[in-house]
Protein backbone atom coordinates (compact mmCIF):
# COMPACT_ATOMS: atom_id res chain seq x y z
CA UNK A 1 0.00 0.00 0.00
CA UNK A 2 2.80 2.38 0.85
CA UNK A 3 4.31 1.81 -2.58
CA UNK A 4 0.98 2.61 -4.23
CA UNK A 5 0.50 5.69 -2.04
CA UNK A 6 3.98 6.96 -2.88
CA UNK A 7 3.07 7.44 -6.56
CA UNK A 8 0.44 10.14 -6.04
CA UNK A 9 -2.74 10.80 -4.06
CA UNK A 10 -5.19 7.98 -4.74
CA UNK A 11 -8.75 7.08 -3.83
CA UNK A 12 -9.47 4.22 -1.45
CA UNK A 13 -11.17 2.32 -4.31
CA UNK A 14 -8.11 2.68 -6.54
CA UNK A 15 -5.88 1.63 -3.66
CA UNK A 16 -7.93 -1.52 -3.04
CA UNK A 17 -7.95 -2.70 -6.69
CA UNK A 18 -4.60 -4.53 -6.91
CA UNK A 19 -4.91 -6.15 -3.48
CA UNK A 20 -8.16 -8.04 -3.92
CA UNK A 21 -9.41 -7.09 -0.47
CA UNK A 22 -12.55 -5.30 0.63
CA UNK A 23 -12.79 -1.54 0.94
CA UNK A 24 -13.40 -2.02 4.66
CA UNK A 25 -10.08 -3.86 4.98
CA UNK A 26 -8.27 -1.11 3.06
CA UNK A 27 -9.84 1.52 5.33
CA UNK A 28 -8.63 -0.41 8.39
CA UNK A 29 -5.10 -0.50 6.99
CA UNK A 30 -5.28 3.21 6.20
CA UNK A 31 -6.42 3.97 9.74
CA UNK A 32 -3.30 2.26 11.08
CA UNK A 33 -1.11 4.19 8.64
CA UNK A 34 -2.81 7.44 9.68
CA UNK A 35 -2.35 6.67 13.39
CA UNK A 36 1.36 6.13 12.70
CA UNK A 37 1.53 9.39 10.77
CA UNK A 38 2.55 7.63 7.54
CA UNK A 39 -0.57 8.50 5.55
CA UNK A 40 -3.29 11.14 5.44
CA UNK A 41 -6.80 10.82 4.07
CA UNK A 42 -9.28 13.49 3.04
CA UNK A 43 -12.93 13.07 2.25
CA UNK A 44 -14.44 15.10 -0.59
CA UNK A 45 -18.10 14.24 -0.87
CA UNK A 46 -18.29 10.45 -1.15
CA UNK A 47 -14.69 10.02 -2.26
CA UNK A 48 -11.86 9.47 0.22
CA UNK A 49 -8.40 10.31 -1.11
CA UNK A 50 -5.20 9.15 0.55
CA UNK A 51 -1.65 10.30 0.32
CA UNK A 52 1.64 9.47 1.92
CA UNK A 53 3.17 11.73 4.57
CA UNK A 54 6.82 11.98 3.48
CA UNK A 55 8.02 13.74 6.65
CA UNK A 56 7.14 10.76 8.82
CA UNK A 57 9.07 8.48 6.48
CA UNK A 58 12.22 10.39 7.45
CA UNK A 59 11.71 9.29 11.05
CA UNK A 60 11.35 5.67 9.91
CA UNK A 61 14.39 6.00 7.62
CA UNK A 62 16.51 7.32 10.50
CA UNK A 63 15.35 4.49 12.78
CA UNK A 64 16.30 1.94 10.11
CA UNK A 65 19.66 3.63 9.48
CA UNK A 66 20.49 3.55 13.19
CA UNK A 67 19.76 -0.16 13.40
CA UNK A 68 21.56 -0.85 10.13
CA UNK A 69 24.78 0.65 11.49
CA UNK A 70 24.54 -1.43 14.64
CA UNK A 71 23.94 -4.65 12.72
CA UNK A 72 26.72 -3.89 10.24
CA UNK A 73 29.16 -3.58 13.16
CA UNK A 74 27.93 -6.84 14.66
CA UNK A 75 28.15 -8.66 11.34
CA UNK A 76 31.63 -7.26 10.69
CA UNK A 77 32.78 -8.63 14.06
CA UNK A 78 31.19 -11.98 13.26
CA UNK A 79 32.96 -12.01 9.90
CA UNK A 80 36.28 -11.34 11.61
CA UNK A 81 35.69 -14.18 14.05
CA UNK A 82 34.77 -16.57 11.27
CA UNK A 83 37.82 -15.55 9.23
CA UNK A 84 40.24 -16.42 12.04
CA UNK A 85 41.98 -19.75 11.55
CA UNK A 86 40.40 -22.52 13.51
CA UNK A 87 42.38 -23.37 16.61
CA UNK A 88 42.72 -27.04 17.43
CA UNK A 89 42.79 -27.99 21.07
CA UNK A 90 46.31 -28.65 22.34
CA UNK A 91 47.04 -32.34 22.32
CA UNK A 92 47.36 -33.78 25.77
CA UNK A 93 50.82 -35.19 26.34
CA UNK A 94 50.96 -38.89 26.95
CA UNK A 95 51.03 -39.63 30.67
CA UNK A 96 54.45 -40.64 31.93
CA UNK A 97 53.24 -43.99 33.27
CA UNK A 98 52.26 -45.00 29.70
CA UNK A 99 55.67 -44.12 28.31
PDB file of N, CA and C in Angstrom:
ATOM      1  N   UNK A   1       0.811  -1.193   0.000  1.00  0.00           N
ATOM      2  CA  UNK A   1       0.000   0.000   0.000  1.00  0.00           C
ATOM      3  C   UNK A   1       0.855   1.258   0.000  1.00  0.00           C
ATOM      4  N   UNK A   2       1.933   1.199   0.793  1.00  0.00           N
ATOM      5  CA  UNK A   2       2.798   2.376   0.848  1.00  0.00           C
ATOM      6  C   UNK A   2       3.402   2.662  -0.521  1.00  0.00           C
ATOM      7  N   UNK A   3       3.757   1.625  -1.242  1.00  0.00           N
ATOM      8  CA  UNK A   3       4.311   1.813  -2.583  1.00  0.00           C
ATOM      9  C   UNK A   3       3.293   2.494  -3.477  1.00  0.00           C
ATOM     10  N   UNK A   4       2.051   2.032  -3.418  1.00  0.00           N
ATOM     11  CA  UNK A   4       0.984   2.605  -4.234  1.00  0.00           C
ATOM     12  C   UNK A   4       0.720   4.054  -3.821  1.00  0.00           C
ATOM     13  N   UNK A   5       0.733   4.325  -2.534  1.00  0.00           N
ATOM     14  CA  UNK A   5       0.501   5.687  -2.044  1.00  0.00           C
ATOM     15  C   UNK A   5       1.638   6.634  -2.416  1.00  0.00           C
ATOM     16  N   UNK A   6       2.829   6.087  -2.600  1.00  0.00           N
ATOM     17  CA  UNK A   6       3.975   6.956  -2.881  1.00  0.00           C
ATOM     18  C   UNK A   6       3.944   7.529  -4.295  1.00  0.00           C
ATOM     19  N   UNK A   7       3.156   6.933  -5.188  1.00  0.00           N
ATOM     20  CA  UNK A   7       3.071   7.440  -6.557  1.00  0.00           C
ATOM     21  C   UNK A   7       2.407   8.811  -6.613  1.00  0.00           C
ATOM     22  N   UNK A   8       1.214   8.898  -6.041  1.00  0.00           N
ATOM     23  CA  UNK A   8       0.439  10.145  -6.037  1.00  0.00           C
ATOM     24  C   UNK A   8      -0.787   9.928  -5.169  1.00  0.00           C
ATOM     25  N   UNK A   9      -1.502  10.993  -4.810  1.00  0.00           N
ATOM     26  CA  UNK A   9      -2.742  10.799  -4.063  1.00  0.00           C
ATOM     27  C   UNK A   9      -3.666   9.859  -4.844  1.00  0.00           C
ATOM     28  N   UNK A  10      -4.381   9.018  -4.116  1.00  0.00           N
ATOM     29  CA  UNK A  10      -5.192   7.981  -4.742  1.00  0.00           C
ATOM     30  C   UNK A  10      -6.452   7.758  -3.916  1.00  0.00           C
ATOM     31  N   UNK A  11      -7.519   7.351  -4.569  1.00  0.00           N
ATOM     32  CA  UNK A  11      -8.752   7.076  -3.833  1.00  0.00           C
ATOM     33  C   UNK A  11      -8.639   5.707  -3.167  1.00  0.00           C
ATOM     34  N   UNK A  12      -9.459   5.496  -2.158  1.00  0.00           N
ATOM     35  CA  UNK A  12      -9.466   4.219  -1.451  1.00  0.00           C
ATOM     36  C   UNK A  12      -9.824   3.092  -2.425  1.00  0.00           C
ATOM     37  N   UNK A  13     -10.779   3.336  -3.323  1.00  0.00           N
ATOM     38  CA  UNK A  13     -11.169   2.317  -4.306  1.00  0.00           C
ATOM     39  C   UNK A  13      -9.992   1.953  -5.209  1.00  0.00           C
ATOM     40  N   UNK A  14      -9.262   2.942  -5.684  1.00  0.00           N
ATOM     41  CA  UNK A  14      -8.106   2.679  -6.538  1.00  0.00           C
ATOM     42  C   UNK A  14      -7.018   1.934  -5.764  1.00  0.00           C
ATOM     43  N   UNK A  15      -6.877   2.277  -4.499  1.00  0.00           N
ATOM     44  CA  UNK A  15      -5.880   1.631  -3.659  1.00  0.00           C
ATOM     45  C   UNK A  15      -6.219   0.160  -3.440  1.00  0.00           C
ATOM     46  N   UNK A  16      -7.496  -0.148  -3.324  1.00  0.00           N
ATOM     47  CA  UNK A  16      -7.931  -1.517  -3.045  1.00  0.00           C
ATOM     48  C   UNK A  16      -7.812  -2.434  -4.258  1.00  0.00           C
ATOM     49  N   UNK A  17      -7.902  -1.889  -5.472  1.00  0.00           N
ATOM     50  CA  UNK A  17      -7.954  -2.702  -6.694  1.00  0.00           C
ATOM     51  C   UNK A  17      -6.886  -3.798  -6.784  1.00  0.00           C
ATOM     52  N   UNK A  18      -5.605  -3.481  -6.681  1.00  0.00           N
ATOM     53  CA  UNK A  18      -4.604  -4.529  -6.908  1.00  0.00           C
ATOM     54  C   UNK A  18      -4.493  -5.551  -5.772  1.00  0.00           C
ATOM     55  N   UNK A  19      -5.091  -5.278  -4.633  1.00  0.00           N
ATOM     56  CA  UNK A  19      -4.914  -6.151  -3.477  1.00  0.00           C
ATOM     57  C   UNK A  19      -5.986  -7.220  -3.351  1.00  0.00           C
ATOM     58  N   UNK A  20      -7.098  -7.050  -4.003  1.00  0.00           N
ATOM     59  CA  UNK A  20      -8.158  -8.038  -3.921  1.00  0.00           C
ATOM     60  C   UNK A  20      -8.743  -8.180  -2.524  1.00  0.00           C
ATOM     61  N   UNK A  21      -8.793  -7.074  -1.794  1.00  0.00           N
ATOM     62  CA  UNK A  21      -9.407  -7.089  -0.466  1.00  0.00           C
ATOM     63  C   UNK A  21     -10.543  -6.080  -0.452  1.00  0.00           C
ATOM     64  N   UNK A  22     -11.376  -6.173   0.559  1.00  0.00           N
ATOM     65  CA  UNK A  22     -12.546  -5.295   0.630  1.00  0.00           C
ATOM     66  C   UNK A  22     -12.135  -3.865   0.934  1.00  0.00           C
ATOM     67  N   UNK A  23     -13.035  -2.948   0.607  1.00  0.00           N
ATOM     68  CA  UNK A  23     -12.793  -1.537   0.942  1.00  0.00           C
ATOM     69  C   UNK A  23     -12.668  -1.353   2.445  1.00  0.00           C
ATOM     70  N   UNK A  24     -13.463  -2.117   3.195  1.00  0.00           N
ATOM     71  CA  UNK A  24     -13.397  -2.020   4.656  1.00  0.00           C
ATOM     72  C   UNK A  24     -12.010  -2.411   5.164  1.00  0.00           C
ATOM     73  N   UNK A  25     -11.420  -3.433   4.570  1.00  0.00           N
ATOM     74  CA  UNK A  25     -10.077  -3.858   4.979  1.00  0.00           C
ATOM     75  C   UNK A  25      -9.052  -2.780   4.626  1.00  0.00           C
ATOM     76  N   UNK A  26      -9.188  -2.173   3.462  1.00  0.00           N
ATOM     77  CA  UNK A  26      -8.275  -1.106   3.060  1.00  0.00           C
ATOM     78  C   UNK A  26      -8.395   0.074   4.022  1.00  0.00           C
ATOM     79  N   UNK A  27      -9.619   0.420   4.387  1.00  0.00           N
ATOM     80  CA  UNK A  27      -9.838   1.525   5.328  1.00  0.00           C
ATOM     81  C   UNK A  27      -9.186   1.217   6.671  1.00  0.00           C
ATOM     82  N   UNK A  28      -9.284  -0.037   7.127  1.00  0.00           N
ATOM     83  CA  UNK A  28      -8.632  -0.415   8.386  1.00  0.00           C
ATOM     84  C   UNK A  28      -7.118  -0.236   8.293  1.00  0.00           C
ATOM     85  N   UNK A  29      -6.535  -0.667   7.184  1.00  0.00           N
ATOM     86  CA  UNK A  29      -5.096  -0.497   6.991  1.00  0.00           C
ATOM     87  C   UNK A  29      -4.734   0.985   6.960  1.00  0.00           C
ATOM     88  N   UNK A  30      -5.535   1.771   6.272  1.00  0.00           N
ATOM     89  CA  UNK A  30      -5.277   3.211   6.200  1.00  0.00           C
ATOM     90  C   UNK A  30      -5.366   3.862   7.575  1.00  0.00           C
ATOM     91  N   UNK A  31      -6.299   3.411   8.394  1.00  0.00           N
ATOM     92  CA  UNK A  31      -6.417   3.973   9.742  1.00  0.00           C
ATOM     93  C   UNK A  31      -5.139   3.738  10.539  1.00  0.00           C
ATOM     94  N   UNK A  32      -4.567   2.557  10.398  1.00  0.00           N
ATOM     95  CA  UNK A  32      -3.303   2.261  11.085  1.00  0.00           C
ATOM     96  C   UNK A  32      -2.197   3.166  10.554  1.00  0.00           C
ATOM     97  N   UNK A  33      -2.131   3.318   9.235  1.00  0.00           N
ATOM     98  CA  UNK A  33      -1.114   4.188   8.639  1.00  0.00           C
ATOM     99  C   UNK A  33      -1.292   5.639   9.084  1.00  0.00           C
ATOM    100  N   UNK A  34      -2.550   6.074   9.213  1.00  0.00           N
ATOM    101  CA  UNK A  34      -2.814   7.441   9.684  1.00  0.00           C
ATOM    102  C   UNK A  34      -2.401   7.603  11.142  1.00  0.00           C
ATOM    103  N   UNK A  35      -2.711   6.607  11.975  1.00  0.00           N
ATOM    104  CA  UNK A  35      -2.348   6.669  13.389  1.00  0.00           C
ATOM    105  C   UNK A  35      -0.830   6.743  13.567  1.00  0.00           C
ATOM    106  N   UNK A  36      -0.112   6.107  12.660  1.00  0.00           N
ATOM    107  CA  UNK A  36       1.357   6.129  12.703  1.00  0.00           C
ATOM    108  C   UNK A  36       1.920   7.388  12.062  1.00  0.00           C
ATOM    109  N   UNK A  37       1.075   8.172  11.421  1.00  0.00           N
ATOM    110  CA  UNK A  37       1.527   9.391  10.766  1.00  0.00           C
ATOM    111  C   UNK A  37       2.139   9.153   9.395  1.00  0.00           C
ATOM    112  N   UNK A  38       1.960   7.945   8.845  1.00  0.00           N
ATOM    113  CA  UNK A  38       2.546   7.626   7.543  1.00  0.00           C
ATOM    114  C   UNK A  38       1.657   8.008   6.370  1.00  0.00           C
ATOM    115  N   UNK A  39       0.365   8.162   6.627  1.00  0.00           N
ATOM    116  CA  UNK A  39      -0.570   8.504   5.550  1.00  0.00           C
ATOM    117  C   UNK A  39      -1.585   9.512   6.068  1.00  0.00           C
ATOM    118  N   UNK A  40      -2.242  10.163   5.115  1.00  0.00           N
ATOM    119  CA  UNK A  40      -3.286  11.135   5.436  1.00  0.00           C
ATOM    120  C   UNK A  40      -4.429  10.893   4.459  1.00  0.00           C
ATOM    121  N   UNK A  41      -5.648  10.950   4.957  1.00  0.00           N
ATOM    122  CA  UNK A  41      -6.802  10.820   4.071  1.00  0.00           C
ATOM    123  C   UNK A  41      -7.672  12.056   4.187  1.00  0.00           C
ATOM    124  N   UNK A  42      -8.341  12.370   3.080  1.00  0.00           N
ATOM    125  CA  UNK A  42      -9.284  13.493   3.039  1.00  0.00           C
ATOM    126  C   UNK A  42     -10.545  13.005   2.364  1.00  0.00           C
ATOM    127  N   UNK A  43     -11.674  13.457   2.861  1.00  0.00           N
ATOM    128  CA  UNK A  43     -12.931  13.074   2.246  1.00  0.00           C
ATOM    129  C   UNK A  43     -13.527  14.276   1.526  1.00  0.00           C
ATOM    130  N   UNK A  44     -13.792  14.082   0.242  1.00  0.00           N
ATOM    131  CA  UNK A  44     -14.440  15.096  -0.593  1.00  0.00           C
ATOM    132  C   UNK A  44     -15.730  14.474  -1.114  1.00  0.00           C
ATOM    133  N   UNK A  45     -16.831  14.864  -0.503  1.00  0.00           N
ATOM    134  CA  UNK A  45     -18.100  14.240  -0.874  1.00  0.00           C
ATOM    135  C   UNK A  45     -18.090  12.786  -0.467  1.00  0.00           C
ATOM    136  N   UNK A  46     -18.280  11.892  -1.440  1.00  0.00           N
ATOM    137  CA  UNK A  46     -18.290  10.453  -1.152  1.00  0.00           C
ATOM    138  C   UNK A  46     -16.939   9.793  -1.431  1.00  0.00           C
ATOM    139  N   UNK A  47     -15.983  10.578  -1.872  1.00  0.00           N
ATOM    140  CA  UNK A  47     -14.686  10.023  -2.261  1.00  0.00           C
ATOM    141  C   UNK A  47     -13.637  10.345  -1.205  1.00  0.00           C
ATOM    142  N   UNK A  48     -12.958   9.300  -0.738  1.00  0.00           N
ATOM    143  CA  UNK A  48     -11.864   9.466   0.224  1.00  0.00           C
ATOM    144  C   UNK A  48     -10.548   9.294  -0.527  1.00  0.00           C
ATOM    145  N   UNK A  49      -9.696  10.324  -0.443  1.00  0.00           N
ATOM    146  CA  UNK A  49      -8.398  10.311  -1.114  1.00  0.00           C
ATOM    147  C   UNK A  49      -7.305  10.160  -0.060  1.00  0.00           C
ATOM    148  N   UNK A  50      -6.311   9.373  -0.382  1.00  0.00           N
ATOM    149  CA  UNK A  50      -5.201   9.147   0.548  1.00  0.00           C
ATOM    150  C   UNK A  50      -3.894   9.577  -0.084  1.00  0.00           C
ATOM    151  N   UNK A  51      -2.990   9.949   0.777  1.00  0.00           N
ATOM    152  CA  UNK A  51      -1.647  10.303   0.316  1.00  0.00           C
ATOM    153  C   UNK A  51      -0.657   9.940   1.405  1.00  0.00           C
ATOM    154  N   UNK A  52       0.562   9.804   0.989  1.00  0.00           N
ATOM    155  CA  UNK A  52       1.638   9.469   1.918  1.00  0.00           C
ATOM    156  C   UNK A  52       2.103  10.743   2.615  1.00  0.00           C
ATOM    157  N   UNK A  53       2.603  10.616   3.821  1.00  0.00           N
ATOM    158  CA  UNK A  53       3.167  11.735   4.575  1.00  0.00           C
ATOM    159  C   UNK A  53       4.689  11.569   4.565  1.00  0.00           C
ATOM    160  N   UNK A  54       5.377  12.202   3.624  1.00  0.00           N
ATOM    161  CA  UNK A  54       6.823  11.982   3.482  1.00  0.00           C
ATOM    162  C   UNK A  54       7.648  12.332   4.722  1.00  0.00           C
ATOM    163  N   UNK A  55       7.237  13.319   5.476  1.00  0.00           N
ATOM    164  CA  UNK A  55       8.021  13.735   6.649  1.00  0.00           C
ATOM    165  C   UNK A  55       8.151  12.598   7.659  1.00  0.00           C
ATOM    166  N   UNK A  56       7.080  11.852   7.849  1.00  0.00           N
ATOM    167  CA  UNK A  56       7.143  10.755   8.824  1.00  0.00           C
ATOM    168  C   UNK A  56       8.006   9.606   8.320  1.00  0.00           C
ATOM    169  N   UNK A  57       8.184   9.519   7.019  1.00  0.00           N
ATOM    170  CA  UNK A  57       9.065   8.482   6.480  1.00  0.00           C
ATOM    171  C   UNK A  57      10.516   8.765   6.850  1.00  0.00           C
ATOM    172  N   UNK A  58      10.855  10.029   7.039  1.00  0.00           N
ATOM    173  CA  UNK A  58      12.215  10.388   7.450  1.00  0.00           C
ATOM    174  C   UNK A  58      12.518   9.819   8.836  1.00  0.00           C
ATOM    175  N   UNK A  59      11.527   9.846   9.712  1.00  0.00           N
ATOM    176  CA  UNK A  59      11.713   9.289  11.049  1.00  0.00           C
ATOM    177  C   UNK A  59      11.972   7.787  10.937  1.00  0.00           C
ATOM    178  N   UNK A  60      11.175   7.111  10.110  1.00  0.00           N
ATOM    179  CA  UNK A  60      11.351   5.670   9.907  1.00  0.00           C
ATOM    180  C   UNK A  60      12.701   5.384   9.267  1.00  0.00           C
ATOM    181  N   UNK A  61      13.098   6.190   8.297  1.00  0.00           N
ATOM    182  CA  UNK A  61      14.385   5.995   7.619  1.00  0.00           C
ATOM    183  C   UNK A  61      15.544   6.154   8.603  1.00  0.00           C
ATOM    184  N   UNK A  62      15.457   7.118   9.500  1.00  0.00           N
ATOM    185  CA  UNK A  62      16.507   7.320  10.498  1.00  0.00           C
ATOM    186  C   UNK A  62      16.575   6.147  11.460  1.00  0.00           C
ATOM    187  N   UNK A  63      15.407   5.649  11.878  1.00  0.00           N
ATOM    188  CA  UNK A  63      15.352   4.492  12.783  1.00  0.00           C
ATOM    189  C   UNK A  63      16.015   3.284  12.122  1.00  0.00           C
ATOM    190  N   UNK A  64      15.708   3.057  10.857  1.00  0.00           N
ATOM    191  CA  UNK A  64      16.298   1.938  10.111  1.00  0.00           C
ATOM    192  C   UNK A  64      17.800   2.132   9.967  1.00  0.00           C
ATOM    193  N   UNK A  65      18.226   3.342   9.644  1.00  0.00           N
ATOM    194  CA  UNK A  65      19.657   3.629   9.475  1.00  0.00           C
ATOM    195  C   UNK A  65      20.424   3.381  10.770  1.00  0.00           C
ATOM    196  N   UNK A  66      19.843   3.773  11.902  1.00  0.00           N
ATOM    197  CA  UNK A  66      20.492   3.552  13.192  1.00  0.00           C
ATOM    198  C   UNK A  66      20.689   2.061  13.452  1.00  0.00           C
ATOM    199  N   UNK A  67      19.666   1.283  13.182  1.00  0.00           N
ATOM    200  CA  UNK A  67      19.759  -0.161  13.399  1.00  0.00           C
ATOM    201  C   UNK A  67      20.686  -0.818  12.384  1.00  0.00           C
ATOM    202  N   UNK A  68      20.698  -0.304  11.173  1.00  0.00           N
ATOM    203  CA  UNK A  68      21.558  -0.852  10.126  1.00  0.00           C
ATOM    204  C   UNK A  68      23.020  -0.721  10.534  1.00  0.00           C
ATOM    205  N   UNK A  69      23.394   0.439  11.048  1.00  0.00           N
ATOM    206  CA  UNK A  69      24.779   0.654  11.492  1.00  0.00           C
ATOM    207  C   UNK A  69      25.161  -0.328  12.589  1.00  0.00           C
ATOM    208  N   UNK A  70      24.280  -0.511  13.546  1.00  0.00           N
ATOM    209  CA  UNK A  70      24.537  -1.433  14.644  1.00  0.00           C
ATOM    210  C   UNK A  70      24.727  -2.858  14.123  1.00  0.00           C
ATOM    211  N   UNK A  71      23.845  -3.287  13.239  1.00  0.00           N
ATOM    212  CA  UNK A  71      23.944  -4.652  12.716  1.00  0.00           C
ATOM    213  C   UNK A  71      25.139  -4.821  11.799  1.00  0.00           C
ATOM    214  N   UNK A  72      25.517  -3.793  11.075  1.00  0.00           N
ATOM    215  CA  UNK A  72      26.719  -3.894  10.240  1.00  0.00           C
ATOM    216  C   UNK A  72      27.954  -4.097  11.112  1.00  0.00           C
ATOM    217  N   UNK A  73      28.032  -3.386  12.234  1.00  0.00           N
ATOM    218  CA  UNK A  73      29.155  -3.578  13.157  1.00  0.00           C
ATOM    219  C   UNK A  73      29.175  -4.998  13.701  1.00  0.00           C
ATOM    220  N   UNK A  74      28.006  -5.481  14.110  1.00  0.00           N
ATOM    221  CA  UNK A  74      27.925  -6.836  14.656  1.00  0.00           C
ATOM    222  C   UNK A  74      28.306  -7.874  13.606  1.00  0.00           C
ATOM    223  N   UNK A  75      27.833  -7.702  12.391  1.00  0.00           N
ATOM    224  CA  UNK A  75      28.147  -8.658  11.336  1.00  0.00           C
ATOM    225  C   UNK A  75      29.615  -8.582  10.934  1.00  0.00           C
ATOM    226  N   UNK A  76      30.202  -7.384  10.960  1.00  0.00           N
ATOM    227  CA  UNK A  76      31.629  -7.258  10.686  1.00  0.00           C
ATOM    228  C   UNK A  76      32.448  -8.035  11.717  1.00  0.00           C
ATOM    229  N   UNK A  77      32.075  -7.905  12.993  1.00  0.00           N
ATOM    230  CA  UNK A  77      32.777  -8.632  14.056  1.00  0.00           C
ATOM    231  C   UNK A  77      32.614 -10.142  13.873  1.00  0.00           C
ATOM    232  N   UNK A  78      31.423 -10.564  13.505  1.00  0.00           N
ATOM    233  CA  UNK A  78      31.193 -11.980  13.258  1.00  0.00           C
ATOM    234  C   UNK A  78      32.053 -12.457  12.096  1.00  0.00           C
ATOM    235  N   UNK A  79      32.129 -11.660  11.044  1.00  0.00           N
ATOM    236  CA  UNK A  79      32.961 -12.005   9.896  1.00  0.00           C
ATOM    237  C   UNK A  79      34.419 -12.153  10.289  1.00  0.00           C
ATOM    238  N   UNK A  80      34.896 -11.255  11.145  1.00  0.00           N
ATOM    239  CA  UNK A  80      36.280 -11.340  11.615  1.00  0.00           C
ATOM    240  C   UNK A  80      36.514 -12.629  12.406  1.00  0.00           C
ATOM    241  N   UNK A  81      35.560 -12.958  13.263  1.00  0.00           N
ATOM    242  CA  UNK A  81      35.695 -14.185  14.046  1.00  0.00           C
ATOM    243  C   UNK A  81      35.708 -15.419  13.149  1.00  0.00           C
ATOM    244  N   UNK A  82      34.846 -15.420  12.164  1.00  0.00           N
ATOM    245  CA  UNK A  82      34.774 -16.566  11.267  1.00  0.00           C
ATOM    246  C   UNK A  82      35.990 -16.662  10.362  1.00  0.00           C
ATOM    247  N   UNK A  83      36.653 -15.552  10.099  1.00  0.00           N
ATOM    248  CA  UNK A  83      37.822 -15.546   9.229  1.00  0.00           C
ATOM    249  C   UNK A  83      39.081 -15.997   9.952  1.00  0.00           C
ATOM    250  N   UNK A  84      39.064 -15.979  11.278  1.00  0.00           N
ATOM    251  CA  UNK A  84      40.235 -16.419  12.037  1.00  0.00           C
ATOM    252  C   UNK A  84      40.455 -17.907  11.805  1.00  0.00           C
ATOM    253  N   UNK A  85      41.726 -18.316  11.723  1.00  0.00           N
ATOM    254  CA  UNK A  85      41.980 -19.745  11.551  1.00  0.00           C
ATOM    255  C   UNK A  85      41.464 -20.525  12.753  1.00  0.00           C
ATOM    256  N   UNK A  86      40.967 -21.691  12.449  1.00  0.00           N
ATOM    257  CA  UNK A  86      40.401 -22.518  13.510  1.00  0.00           C
ATOM    258  C   UNK A  86      41.520 -23.037  14.391  1.00  0.00           C
ATOM    259  N   UNK A  87      41.356 -22.896  15.681  1.00  0.00           N
ATOM    260  CA  UNK A  87      42.375 -23.371  16.615  1.00  0.00           C
ATOM    261  C   UNK A  87      42.011 -24.774  17.061  1.00  0.00           C
ATOM    262  N   UNK A  88      42.973 -25.682  16.961  1.00  0.00           N
ATOM    263  CA  UNK A  88      42.723 -27.043  17.428  1.00  0.00           C
ATOM    264  C   UNK A  88      43.145 -27.121  18.880  1.00  0.00           C
ATOM    265  N   UNK A  89      42.423 -27.886  19.660  1.00  0.00           N
ATOM    266  CA  UNK A  89      42.795 -27.988  21.070  1.00  0.00           C
ATOM    267  C   UNK A  89      44.190 -28.608  21.187  1.00  0.00           C
ATOM    268  N   UNK A  90      44.961 -28.118  22.139  1.00  0.00           N
ATOM    269  CA  UNK A  90      46.314 -28.647  22.339  1.00  0.00           C
ATOM    270  C   UNK A  90      46.207 -30.123  22.681  1.00  0.00           C
ATOM    271  N   UNK A  91      47.061 -30.903  22.045  1.00  0.00           N
ATOM    272  CA  UNK A  91      47.036 -32.336  22.321  1.00  0.00           C
ATOM    273  C   UNK A  91      47.581 -32.570  23.725  1.00  0.00           C
ATOM    274  N   UNK A  92      46.896 -33.424  24.437  1.00  0.00           N
ATOM    275  CA  UNK A  92      47.360 -33.782  25.775  1.00  0.00           C
ATOM    276  C   UNK A  92      48.598 -34.656  25.652  1.00  0.00           C
ATOM    277  N   UNK A  93      49.637 -34.321  26.389  1.00  0.00           N
ATOM    278  CA  UNK A  93      50.820 -35.186  26.341  1.00  0.00           C
ATOM    279  C   UNK A  93      50.495 -36.557  26.941  1.00  0.00           C
ATOM    280  N   UNK A  94      51.178 -37.530  26.459  1.00  0.00           N
ATOM    281  CA  UNK A  94      50.956 -38.891  26.946  1.00  0.00           C
ATOM    282  C   UNK A  94      51.420 -38.973  28.399  1.00  0.00           C
ATOM    283  N   UNK A  95      50.600 -39.530  29.265  1.00  0.00           N
ATOM    284  CA  UNK A  95      51.027 -39.635  30.667  1.00  0.00           C
ATOM    285  C   UNK A  95      52.334 -40.426  30.780  1.00  0.00           C
ATOM    286  N   UNK A  96      53.154 -40.024  31.757  1.00  0.00           N
ATOM    287  CA  UNK A  96      54.454 -40.644  31.932  1.00  0.00           C
ATOM    288  C   UNK A  96      54.349 -42.139  32.185  1.00  0.00           C
ATOM    289  N   UNK A  97      53.352 -42.564  32.912  1.00  0.00           N
ATOM    290  CA  UNK A  97      53.240 -43.987  33.265  1.00  0.00           C
ATOM    291  C   UNK A  97      52.946 -44.854  32.040  1.00  0.00           C
ATOM    292  N   UNK A  98      52.480 -44.215  30.902  1.00  0.00           N
ATOM    293  CA  UNK A  98      52.264 -44.999  29.697  1.00  0.00           C
ATOM    294  C   UNK A  98      53.546 -45.118  28.881  1.00  0.00           C
ATOM    295  N   UNK A  99      54.471 -44.234  29.105  1.00  0.00           N
ATOM    296  CA  UNK A  99      55.673 -44.124  28.313  1.00  0.00           C
ATOM    297  C   UNK A  99      56.627 -45.195  28.482  1.00  0.00           C
TER     298      UNK A  99
END
